C-alpha atoms as a PDB file:
ATOM      1  CA  MET A   1     108.945 -16.983  38.231  1.00  0.00           C
ATOM      2  CA  THR A   2     105.441 -15.787  37.430  1.00  0.00           C
ATOM      3  CA  GLU A   3     103.286 -16.717  34.510  1.00  0.00           C
ATOM      4  CA  GLY A   4     102.744 -14.015  31.956  1.00  0.00           C
ATOM      5  CA  LYS A   5      99.912 -13.764  29.459  1.00  0.00           C
ATOM      6  CA  SER A   6     101.662 -16.301  27.235  1.00  0.00           C
ATOM      7  CA  GLY A   7     101.734 -18.832  30.091  1.00  0.00           C
ATOM      8  CA  LYS A   8     105.485 -19.385  29.991  1.00  0.00           C
ATOM      9  CA  ARG A   9     107.581 -19.507  33.146  1.00  0.00           C
ATOM     10  CA  LEU A  10     111.213 -18.872  33.928  1.00  0.00           C
ATOM     11  CA  TYR A  11     113.109 -22.061  34.746  1.00  0.00           C
ATOM     12  CA  ARG A  12     116.765 -22.970  35.035  1.00  0.00           C
ATOM     13  CA  SER A  13     117.673 -24.931  31.935  1.00  0.00           C
ATOM     14  CA  THR A  14     118.460 -28.596  32.408  1.00  0.00           C
ATOM     15  CA  THR A  15     119.731 -29.057  28.855  1.00  0.00           C
ATOM     16  CA  ASN A  16     121.514 -25.788  28.067  1.00  0.00           C
ATOM     17  CA  LYS A  17     123.626 -25.196  31.130  1.00  0.00           C
ATOM     18  CA  GLN A  18     127.243 -24.533  31.933  1.00  0.00           C
ATOM     19  CA  VAL A  19     127.049 -24.118  35.722  1.00  0.00           C
ATOM     20  CA  SER A  20     123.496 -24.223  37.060  1.00  0.00           C
ATOM     21  CA  GLY A  21     121.399 -23.362  34.001  1.00  0.00           C
ATOM     22  CA  VAL A  22     120.503 -19.776  34.963  1.00  0.00           C
ATOM     23  CA  CYS A  23     121.766 -18.115  31.763  1.00  0.00           C
ATOM     24  CA  GLY A  24     120.404 -20.957  29.635  1.00  0.00           C
ATOM     25  CA  GLY A  25     117.017 -20.637  31.311  1.00  0.00           C
ATOM     26  CA  ILE A  26     116.917 -16.872  30.781  1.00  0.00           C
ATOM     27  CA  ALA A  27     117.857 -17.384  27.137  1.00  0.00           C
ATOM     28  CA  GLU A  28     115.115 -19.967  26.641  1.00  0.00           C
ATOM     29  CA  TYR A  29     112.552 -17.716  28.334  1.00  0.00           C
ATOM     30  CA  MET A  30     113.492 -14.658  26.261  1.00  0.00           C
ATOM     31  CA  GLY A  31     114.033 -16.585  23.014  1.00  0.00           C
ATOM     32  CA  TRP A  32     117.653 -15.441  22.802  1.00  0.00           C
ATOM     33  CA  ASP A  33     120.916 -17.182  22.042  1.00  0.00           C
ATOM     34  CA  PRO A  34     122.396 -18.456  25.341  1.00  0.00           C
ATOM     35  CA  THR A  35     125.837 -17.172  24.335  1.00  0.00           C
ATOM     36  CA  VAL A  36     124.487 -13.612  24.255  1.00  0.00           C
ATOM     37  CA  VAL A  37     123.071 -13.997  27.777  1.00  0.00           C
ATOM     38  CA  ARG A  38     126.327 -15.489  29.082  1.00  0.00           C
ATOM     39  CA  VAL A  39     128.485 -12.770  27.521  1.00  0.00           C
ATOM     40  CA  GLY A  40     126.106 -10.129  28.903  1.00  0.00           C
ATOM     41  CA  TRP A  41     126.349 -11.650  32.375  1.00  0.00           C
ATOM     42  CA  VAL A  42     130.157 -11.751  32.212  1.00  0.00           C
ATOM     43  CA  LEU A  43     130.313  -8.108  31.088  1.00  0.00           C
ATOM     44  CA  LEU A  44     127.852  -7.032  33.779  1.00  0.00           C
ATOM     45  CA  THR A  45     129.857  -8.896  36.391  1.00  0.00           C
ATOM     46  CA  LEU A  46     133.192  -7.442  35.273  1.00  0.00           C
ATOM     47  CA  PHE A  47     131.965  -3.860  34.952  1.00  0.00           C
ATOM     48  CA  THR A  48     130.121  -3.811  38.288  1.00  0.00           C
ATOM     49  CA  GLY A  49     133.019  -5.042  40.385  1.00  0.00           C
ATOM     50  CA  MET A  50     132.116  -8.758  40.404  1.00  0.00           C
ATOM     51  CA  PHE A  51     129.876  -8.644  43.492  1.00  0.00           C
ATOM     52  CA  PRO A  52     126.435  -7.852  41.955  1.00  0.00           C
ATOM     53  CA  GLY A  53     126.801 -10.325  39.096  1.00  0.00           C
ATOM     54  CA  VAL A  54     127.987 -13.192  41.276  1.00  0.00           C
ATOM     55  CA  ILE A  55     125.420 -12.576  44.017  1.00  0.00           C
ATOM     56  CA  GLY A  56     122.636 -12.171  41.437  1.00  0.00           C
ATOM     57  CA  TYR A  57     123.597 -15.431  39.755  1.00  0.00           C
ATOM     58  CA  LEU A  58     123.672 -17.285  43.075  1.00  0.00           C
ATOM     59  CA  VAL A  59     120.282 -15.878  44.090  1.00  0.00           C
ATOM     60  CA  LEU A  60     118.748 -16.901  40.763  1.00  0.00           C
ATOM     61  CA  ALA A  61     120.320 -20.367  41.011  1.00  0.00           C
ATOM     62  CA  VAL A  62     118.562 -20.848  44.354  1.00  0.00           C
ATOM     63  CA  VAL A  63     115.243 -19.089  43.634  1.00  0.00           C
ATOM     64  CA  VAL A  64     114.456 -20.129  40.048  1.00  0.00           C
ATOM     65  CA  PRO A  65     113.296 -23.765  39.853  1.00  0.00           C
ATOM     66  CA  ALA A  66     114.804 -26.271  37.447  1.00  0.00           C
ATOM     67  CA  ALA A  67     112.769 -27.004  34.342  1.00  0.00           C
ATOM     68  CA  PRO A  68     110.389 -29.920  34.778  1.00  0.00           C
ATOM     69  CA  SER A  69     111.555 -33.045  33.018  1.00  0.00           C
ATOM     70  CA  GLY A  70     109.556 -34.345  30.094  1.00  0.00           C
ATOM     71  CA  GLY A  71     107.846 -31.093  29.473  1.00  0.00           C
END
């Protein structure tokens, strides 16, 4: 979303995606395993009554741009 001091940006992943690439993009940005991010999202969604996790995912899928190709 915004560039930090390292110059990296948050993008939806175009290579490591299951639905829209949100969890894959977060994992790439943070340097984490995508499975950890996906499991964390599922647990967050289940333990908060579904609504916040689903709405948050949909918002990120719309707001976060897809990774540029070739870069």
